[in-house]
């Protein structure tokens, strides 16, 4: 690999990092993990990590209507 170690994106995030990056609360992240919607891994007795690709799959883009269908001001 020619990529420098500083240039690599993290593959795993803590609950705090995930909540901060995606603008949600830690409780929201924990809720998604507990319902099985968001896979997570436990490293040791307390450390929980989430794969970035799993987290990104939770956030889907919202389709935008064409300009012809936008509501016009009164």
PDB file of N, CA and C in Angstrom:
ATOM      1  N   UNK A   1       0.836  -1.183   0.000  1.00  0.00           N
ATOM      2  CA  UNK A   1       0.000   0.000   0.000  1.00  0.00           C
ATOM      3  C   UNK A   1       0.882   1.248   0.000  1.00  0.00           C
ATOM      4  N   UNK A   2       0.495   2.200  -0.757  1.00  0.00           N
ATOM      5  CA  UNK A   2       1.263   3.427  -0.794  1.00  0.00           C
ATOM      6  C   UNK A   2       0.674   4.504   0.110  1.00  0.00           C
ATOM      7  N   UNK A   3      -0.480   4.238   0.684  1.00  0.00           N
ATOM      8  CA  UNK A   3      -1.130   5.237   1.548  1.00  0.00           C
ATOM      9  C   UNK A   3      -0.385   5.342   2.874  1.00  0.00           C
ATOM     10  N   UNK A   4      -0.210   6.540   3.311  1.00  0.00           N
ATOM     11  CA  UNK A   4       0.416   6.809   4.589  1.00  0.00           C
ATOM     12  C   UNK A   4      -0.571   6.450   5.698  1.00  0.00           C
ATOM     13  N   UNK A   5      -0.075   6.019   6.844  1.00  0.00           N
ATOM     14  CA  UNK A   5      -0.950   5.624   7.957  1.00  0.00           C
ATOM     15  C   UNK A   5      -1.841   6.767   8.414  1.00  0.00           C
ATOM     16  N   UNK A   6      -1.365   8.015   8.286  1.00  0.00           N
ATOM     17  CA  UNK A   6      -2.174   9.171   8.691  1.00  0.00           C
ATOM     18  C   UNK A   6      -3.304   9.447   7.723  1.00  0.00           C
ATOM     19  N   UNK A   7      -3.211   8.953   6.504  1.00  0.00           N
ATOM     20  CA  UNK A   7      -4.237   9.206   5.491  1.00  0.00           C
ATOM     21  C   UNK A   7      -5.379   8.201   5.546  1.00  0.00           C
ATOM     22  N   UNK A   8      -5.197   7.093   6.237  1.00  0.00           N
ATOM     23  CA  UNK A   8      -6.211   6.053   6.286  1.00  0.00           C
ATOM     24  C   UNK A   8      -7.409   6.506   7.115  1.00  0.00           C
ATOM     25  N   UNK A   9      -8.574   6.202   6.613  1.00  0.00           N
ATOM     26  CA  UNK A   9      -9.805   6.488   7.355  1.00  0.00           C
ATOM     27  C   UNK A   9      -9.993   5.406   8.413  1.00  0.00           C
ATOM     28  N   UNK A  10     -10.543   5.752   9.574  1.00  0.00           N
ATOM     29  CA  UNK A  10     -10.785   4.714  10.582  1.00  0.00           C
ATOM     30  C   UNK A  10     -11.866   3.753  10.103  1.00  0.00           C
ATOM     31  N   UNK A  11     -11.697   2.498  10.434  1.00  0.00           N
ATOM     32  CA  UNK A  11     -12.694   1.498  10.076  1.00  0.00           C
ATOM     33  C   UNK A  11     -13.692   1.265  11.204  1.00  0.00           C
ATOM     34  N   UNK A  12     -13.308   1.612  12.411  1.00  0.00           N
ATOM     35  CA  UNK A  12     -14.150   1.422  13.584  1.00  0.00           C
ATOM     36  C   UNK A  12     -14.279   2.748  14.326  1.00  0.00           C
ATOM     37  N   UNK A  13     -15.461   2.995  14.891  1.00  0.00           N
ATOM     38  CA  UNK A  13     -15.693   4.207  15.681  1.00  0.00           C
ATOM     39  C   UNK A  13     -16.243   3.815  17.046  1.00  0.00           C
ATOM     40  N   UNK A  14     -15.952   4.633  18.041  1.00  0.00           N
ATOM     41  CA  UNK A  14     -16.575   4.457  19.350  1.00  0.00           C
ATOM     42  C   UNK A  14     -18.007   4.984  19.262  1.00  0.00           C
ATOM     43  N   UNK A  15     -18.796   4.706  20.272  1.00  0.00           N
ATOM     44  CA  UNK A  15     -20.172   5.215  20.292  1.00  0.00           C
ATOM     45  C   UNK A  15     -20.169   6.738  20.285  1.00  0.00           C
ATOM     46  N   UNK A  16     -19.257   7.332  21.033  1.00  0.00           N
ATOM     47  CA  UNK A  16     -19.172   8.784  21.109  1.00  0.00           C
ATOM     48  C   UNK A  16     -18.793   9.385  19.753  1.00  0.00           C
ATOM     49  N   UNK A  17     -17.815   8.780  19.091  1.00  0.00           N
ATOM     50  CA  UNK A  17     -17.406   9.271  17.779  1.00  0.00           C
ATOM     51  C   UNK A  17     -18.540   9.142  16.767  1.00  0.00           C
ATOM     52  N   UNK A  18     -19.209   8.003  16.764  1.00  0.00           N
ATOM     53  CA  UNK A  18     -20.306   7.780  15.828  1.00  0.00           C
ATOM     54  C   UNK A  18     -21.426   8.790  16.050  1.00  0.00           C
ATOM     55  N   UNK A  19     -21.769   9.036  17.314  1.00  0.00           N
ATOM     56  CA  UNK A  19     -22.826   9.998  17.626  1.00  0.00           C
ATOM     57  C   UNK A  19     -22.439  11.399  17.180  1.00  0.00           C
ATOM     58  N   UNK A  20     -21.196  11.773  17.403  1.00  0.00           N
ATOM     59  CA  UNK A  20     -20.722  13.108  17.028  1.00  0.00           C
ATOM     60  C   UNK A  20     -20.708  13.275  15.508  1.00  0.00           C
ATOM     61  N   UNK A  21     -20.179  12.298  14.796  1.00  0.00           N
ATOM     62  CA  UNK A  21     -20.066  12.391  13.339  1.00  0.00           C
ATOM     63  C   UNK A  21     -21.444  12.496  12.686  1.00  0.00           C
ATOM     64  N   UNK A  22     -22.408  11.722  13.172  1.00  0.00           N
ATOM     65  CA  UNK A  22     -23.714  11.682  12.532  1.00  0.00           C
ATOM     66  C   UNK A  22     -24.751  12.573  13.185  1.00  0.00           C
ATOM     67  N   UNK A  23     -24.365  13.308  14.209  1.00  0.00           N
ATOM     68  CA  UNK A  23     -25.267  14.284  14.810  1.00  0.00           C
ATOM     69  C   UNK A  23     -26.459  13.675  15.526  1.00  0.00           C
ATOM     70  N   UNK A  24     -26.236  12.536  16.163  1.00  0.00           N
ATOM     71  CA  UNK A  24     -27.289  11.899  16.951  1.00  0.00           C
ATOM     72  C   UNK A  24     -26.748  11.675  18.361  1.00  0.00           C
ATOM     73  N   UNK A  25     -27.614  11.273  19.259  1.00  0.00           N
ATOM     74  CA  UNK A  25     -27.170  11.034  20.628  1.00  0.00           C
ATOM     75  C   UNK A  25     -26.567   9.636  20.753  1.00  0.00           C
ATOM     76  N   UNK A  26     -25.796   9.450  21.806  1.00  0.00           N
ATOM     77  CA  UNK A  26     -25.232   8.131  22.093  1.00  0.00           C
ATOM     78  C   UNK A  26     -26.361   7.152  22.369  1.00  0.00           C
ATOM     79  N   UNK A  27     -27.420   7.629  23.009  1.00  0.00           N
ATOM     80  CA  UNK A  27     -28.574   6.764  23.281  1.00  0.00           C
ATOM     81  C   UNK A  27     -29.200   6.253  21.984  1.00  0.00           C
ATOM     82  N   UNK A  28     -29.236   7.083  20.948  1.00  0.00           N
ATOM     83  CA  UNK A  28     -29.773   6.657  19.654  1.00  0.00           C
ATOM     84  C   UNK A  28     -28.906   5.545  19.074  1.00  0.00           C
ATOM     85  N   UNK A  29     -27.594   5.710  19.154  1.00  0.00           N
ATOM     86  CA  UNK A  29     -26.677   4.675  18.672  1.00  0.00           C
ATOM     87  C   UNK A  29     -26.896   3.385  19.467  1.00  0.00           C
ATOM     88  N   UNK A  30     -26.984   3.495  20.784  1.00  0.00           N
ATOM     89  CA  UNK A  30     -27.210   2.309  21.626  1.00  0.00           C
ATOM     90  C   UNK A  30     -28.541   1.632  21.300  1.00  0.00           C
ATOM     91  N   UNK A  31     -29.576   2.419  21.038  1.00  0.00           N
ATOM     92  CA  UNK A  31     -30.890   1.872  20.695  1.00  0.00           C
ATOM     93  C   UNK A  31     -30.818   1.060  19.399  1.00  0.00           C
ATOM     94  N   UNK A  32     -30.130   1.589  18.403  1.00  0.00           N
ATOM     95  CA  UNK A  32     -29.995   0.879  17.130  1.00  0.00           C
ATOM     96  C   UNK A  32     -29.203  -0.417  17.305  1.00  0.00           C
ATOM     97  N   UNK A  33     -28.220  -0.408  18.186  1.00  0.00           N
ATOM     98  CA  UNK A  33     -27.454  -1.622  18.463  1.00  0.00           C
ATOM     99  C   UNK A  33     -28.332  -2.642  19.179  1.00  0.00           C
ATOM    100  N   UNK A  34     -29.086  -2.201  20.185  1.00  0.00           N
ATOM    101  CA  UNK A  34     -29.894  -3.143  20.981  1.00  0.00           C
ATOM    102  C   UNK A  34     -31.041  -3.765  20.191  1.00  0.00           C
ATOM    103  N   UNK A  35     -31.547  -3.053  19.177  1.00  0.00           N
ATOM    104  CA  UNK A  35     -32.618  -3.626  18.348  1.00  0.00           C
ATOM    105  C   UNK A  35     -32.076  -4.495  17.219  1.00  0.00           C
ATOM    106  N   UNK A  36     -30.756  -4.502  17.058  1.00  0.00           N
ATOM    107  CA  UNK A  36     -30.157  -5.314  16.004  1.00  0.00           C
ATOM    108  C   UNK A  36     -30.048  -4.611  14.666  1.00  0.00           C
ATOM    109  N   UNK A  37     -30.471  -3.351  14.604  1.00  0.00           N
ATOM    110  CA  UNK A  37     -30.397  -2.596  13.351  1.00  0.00           C
ATOM    111  C   UNK A  37     -28.969  -2.206  13.004  1.00  0.00           C
ATOM    112  N   UNK A  38     -28.122  -2.049  14.015  1.00  0.00           N
ATOM    113  CA  UNK A  38     -26.751  -1.610  13.810  1.00  0.00           C
ATOM    114  C   UNK A  38     -25.804  -2.623  14.452  1.00  0.00           C
ATOM    115  N   UNK A  39     -25.036  -3.348  13.630  1.00  0.00           N
ATOM    116  CA  UNK A  39     -24.081  -4.299  14.200  1.00  0.00           C
ATOM    117  C   UNK A  39     -22.965  -3.562  14.945  1.00  0.00           C
ATOM    118  N   UNK A  40     -22.508  -4.154  16.034  1.00  0.00           N
ATOM    119  CA  UNK A  40     -21.420  -3.583  16.818  1.00  0.00           C
ATOM    120  C   UNK A  40     -20.603  -4.726  17.394  1.00  0.00           C
ATOM    121  N   UNK A  41     -19.394  -4.407  17.815  1.00  0.00           N
ATOM    122  CA  UNK A  41     -18.517  -5.421  18.401  1.00  0.00           C
ATOM    123  C   UNK A  41     -18.024  -4.921  19.748  1.00  0.00           C
ATOM    124  N   UNK A  42     -17.882  -5.868  20.657  1.00  0.00           N
ATOM    125  CA  UNK A  42     -17.364  -5.538  21.978  1.00  0.00           C
ATOM    126  C   UNK A  42     -15.922  -6.027  22.048  1.00  0.00           C
ATOM    127  N   UNK A  43     -15.035  -5.126  22.438  1.00  0.00           N
ATOM    128  CA  UNK A  43     -13.631  -5.452  22.636  1.00  0.00           C
ATOM    129  C   UNK A  43     -13.353  -5.348  24.120  1.00  0.00           C
ATOM    130  N   UNK A  44     -13.255  -6.468  24.772  1.00  0.00           N
ATOM    131  CA  UNK A  44     -13.091  -6.470  26.218  1.00  0.00           C
ATOM    132  C   UNK A  44     -14.433  -6.284  26.893  1.00  0.00           C
ATOM    133  N   UNK A  45     -14.430  -6.060  28.196  1.00  0.00           N
ATOM    134  CA  UNK A  45     -15.686  -5.981  28.935  1.00  0.00           C
ATOM    135  C   UNK A  45     -16.500  -4.707  28.699  1.00  0.00           C
ATOM    136  N   UNK A  46     -15.866  -3.613  28.279  1.00  0.00           N
ATOM    137  CA  UNK A  46     -16.598  -2.345  28.185  1.00  0.00           C
ATOM    138  C   UNK A  46     -16.548  -1.659  26.836  1.00  0.00           C
ATOM    139  N   UNK A  47     -15.530  -1.896  26.060  1.00  0.00           N
ATOM    140  CA  UNK A  47     -15.280  -1.155  24.835  1.00  0.00           C
ATOM    141  C   UNK A  47     -16.170  -1.656  23.699  1.00  0.00           C
ATOM    142  N   UNK A  48     -17.011  -0.771  23.149  1.00  0.00           N
ATOM    143  CA  UNK A  48     -17.899  -1.108  22.038  1.00  0.00           C
ATOM    144  C   UNK A  48     -17.469  -0.284  20.833  1.00  0.00           C
ATOM    145  N   UNK A  49     -17.372  -0.943  19.679  1.00  0.00           N
ATOM    146  CA  UNK A  49     -16.990  -0.265  18.441  1.00  0.00           C
ATOM    147  C   UNK A  49     -17.965  -0.613  17.336  1.00  0.00           C
ATOM    148  N   UNK A  50     -18.114   0.320  16.407  1.00  0.00           N
ATOM    149  CA  UNK A  50     -19.031   0.175  15.276  1.00  0.00           C
ATOM    150  C   UNK A  50     -18.229   0.359  13.998  1.00  0.00           C
ATOM    151  N   UNK A  51     -18.433  -0.509  13.027  1.00  0.00           N
ATOM    152  CA  UNK A  51     -17.781  -0.338  11.735  1.00  0.00           C
ATOM    153  C   UNK A  51     -18.391   0.858  11.021  1.00  0.00           C
ATOM    154  N   UNK A  52     -17.545   1.647  10.395  1.00  0.00           N
ATOM    155  CA  UNK A  52     -18.003   2.829   9.671  1.00  0.00           C
ATOM    156  C   UNK A  52     -18.982   2.426   8.568  1.00  0.00           C
ATOM    157  N   UNK A  53     -18.681   1.344   7.831  1.00  0.00           N
ATOM    158  CA  UNK A  53     -19.565   0.933   6.736  1.00  0.00           C
ATOM    159  C   UNK A  53     -20.944   0.512   7.250  1.00  0.00           C
ATOM    160  N   UNK A  54     -21.022  -0.087   8.446  1.00  0.00           N
ATOM    161  CA  UNK A  54     -22.321  -0.448   9.022  1.00  0.00           C
ATOM    162  C   UNK A  54     -23.093   0.795   9.440  1.00  0.00           C
ATOM    163  N   UNK A  55     -22.381   1.758   9.980  1.00  0.00           N
ATOM    164  CA  UNK A  55     -23.021   3.009  10.391  1.00  0.00           C
ATOM    165  C   UNK A  55     -23.530   3.778   9.182  1.00  0.00           C
ATOM    166  N   UNK A  56     -22.733   3.832   8.125  1.00  0.00           N
ATOM    167  CA  UNK A  56     -23.142   4.538   6.912  1.00  0.00           C
ATOM    168  C   UNK A  56     -24.379   3.907   6.276  1.00  0.00           C
ATOM    169  N   UNK A  57     -24.540   2.605   6.437  1.00  0.00           N
ATOM    170  CA  UNK A  57     -25.712   1.940   5.850  1.00  0.00           C
ATOM    171  C   UNK A  57     -27.008   2.334   6.553  1.00  0.00           C
ATOM    172  N   UNK A  58     -26.914   2.850   7.779  1.00  0.00           N
ATOM    173  CA  UNK A  58     -28.094   3.301   8.515  1.00  0.00           C
ATOM    174  C   UNK A  58     -28.623   4.626   7.988  1.00  0.00           C
ATOM    175  N   UNK A  59     -27.756   5.403   7.358  1.00  0.00           N
ATOM    176  CA  UNK A  59     -28.127   6.721   6.873  1.00  0.00           C
ATOM    177  C   UNK A  59     -28.246   6.683   5.366  1.00  0.00           C
ATOM    178  N   UNK A  60     -29.489   6.802   4.877  1.00  0.00           N
ATOM    179  CA  UNK A  60     -29.760   6.748   3.446  1.00  0.00           C
ATOM    180  C   UNK A  60     -30.139   8.132   2.950  1.00  0.00           C
ATOM    181  N   UNK A  61     -29.737   8.470   1.730  1.00  0.00           N
ATOM    182  CA  UNK A  61     -30.127   9.778   1.196  1.00  0.00           C
ATOM    183  C   UNK A  61     -31.636   9.854   0.976  1.00  0.00           C
ATOM    184  N   UNK A  62     -32.186  11.020   1.150  1.00  0.00           N
ATOM    185  CA  UNK A  62     -33.606  11.252   0.903  1.00  0.00           C
ATOM    186  C   UNK A  62     -33.752  11.703  -0.534  1.00  0.00           C
ATOM    187  N   UNK A  63     -34.610  11.024  -1.307  1.00  0.00           N
ATOM    188  CA  UNK A  63     -34.792  11.442  -2.702  1.00  0.00           C
ATOM    189  C   UNK A  63     -35.357  12.861  -2.775  1.00  0.00           C
ATOM    190  N   UNK A  64     -34.847  13.620  -3.717  1.00  0.00           N
ATOM    191  CA  UNK A  64     -35.276  15.005  -3.882  1.00  0.00           C
ATOM    192  C   UNK A  64     -36.163  15.079  -5.117  1.00  0.00           C
ATOM    193  N   UNK A  65     -37.286  15.758  -4.968  1.00  0.00           N
ATOM    194  CA  UNK A  65     -38.192  15.932  -6.094  1.00  0.00           C
ATOM    195  C   UNK A  65     -37.587  16.893  -7.110  1.00  0.00           C
ATOM    196  N   UNK A  66     -37.997  16.753  -8.343  1.00  0.00           N
ATOM    197  CA  UNK A  66     -37.533  17.670  -9.375  1.00  0.00           C
ATOM    198  C   UNK A  66     -38.034  19.079  -9.127  1.00  0.00           C
ATOM    199  N   UNK A  67     -37.457  20.047  -9.795  1.00  0.00           N
ATOM    200  CA  UNK A  67     -37.838  21.440  -9.574  1.00  0.00           C
ATOM    201  C   UNK A  67     -39.285  21.696  -9.968  1.00  0.00           C
ATOM    202  N   UNK A  68     -39.823  20.910 -10.889  1.00  0.00           N
ATOM    203  CA  UNK A  68     -41.202  21.106 -11.323  1.00  0.00           C
ATOM    204  C   UNK A  68     -42.199  20.765 -10.230  1.00  0.00           C
ATOM    205  N   UNK A  69     -41.825  19.928  -9.286  1.00  0.00           N
ATOM    206  CA  UNK A  69     -42.777  19.500  -8.255  1.00  0.00           C
ATOM    207  C   UNK A  69     -42.622  20.277  -6.959  1.00  0.00           C
ATOM    208  N   UNK A  70     -41.709  21.205  -6.911  1.00  0.00           N
ATOM    209  CA  UNK A  70     -41.529  21.972  -5.672  1.00  0.00           C
ATOM    210  C   UNK A  70     -42.699  22.933  -5.462  1.00  0.00           C
ATOM    211  N   UNK A  71     -42.978  23.142  -4.224  1.00  0.00           N
ATOM    212  CA  UNK A  71     -44.072  24.028  -3.866  1.00  0.00           C
ATOM    213  C   UNK A  71     -43.652  25.479  -4.125  1.00  0.00           C
ATOM    214  N   UNK A  72     -44.528  26.215  -4.718  1.00  0.00           N
ATOM    215  CA  UNK A  72     -44.226  27.613  -5.022  1.00  0.00           C
ATOM    216  C   UNK A  72     -44.823  28.512  -3.952  1.00  0.00           C
ATOM    217  N   UNK A  73     -44.140  29.625  -3.624  1.00  0.00           N
ATOM    218  CA  UNK A  73     -44.666  30.550  -2.610  1.00  0.00           C
ATOM    219  C   UNK A  73     -45.994  31.171  -3.067  1.00  0.00           C
ATOM    220  N   UNK A  74     -46.822  31.497  -2.107  1.00  0.00           N
ATOM    221  CA  UNK A  74     -48.132  32.099  -2.416  1.00  0.00           C
ATOM    222  C   UNK A  74     -48.028  33.497  -2.908  1.00  0.00           C
TER     223      UNK A  74
END
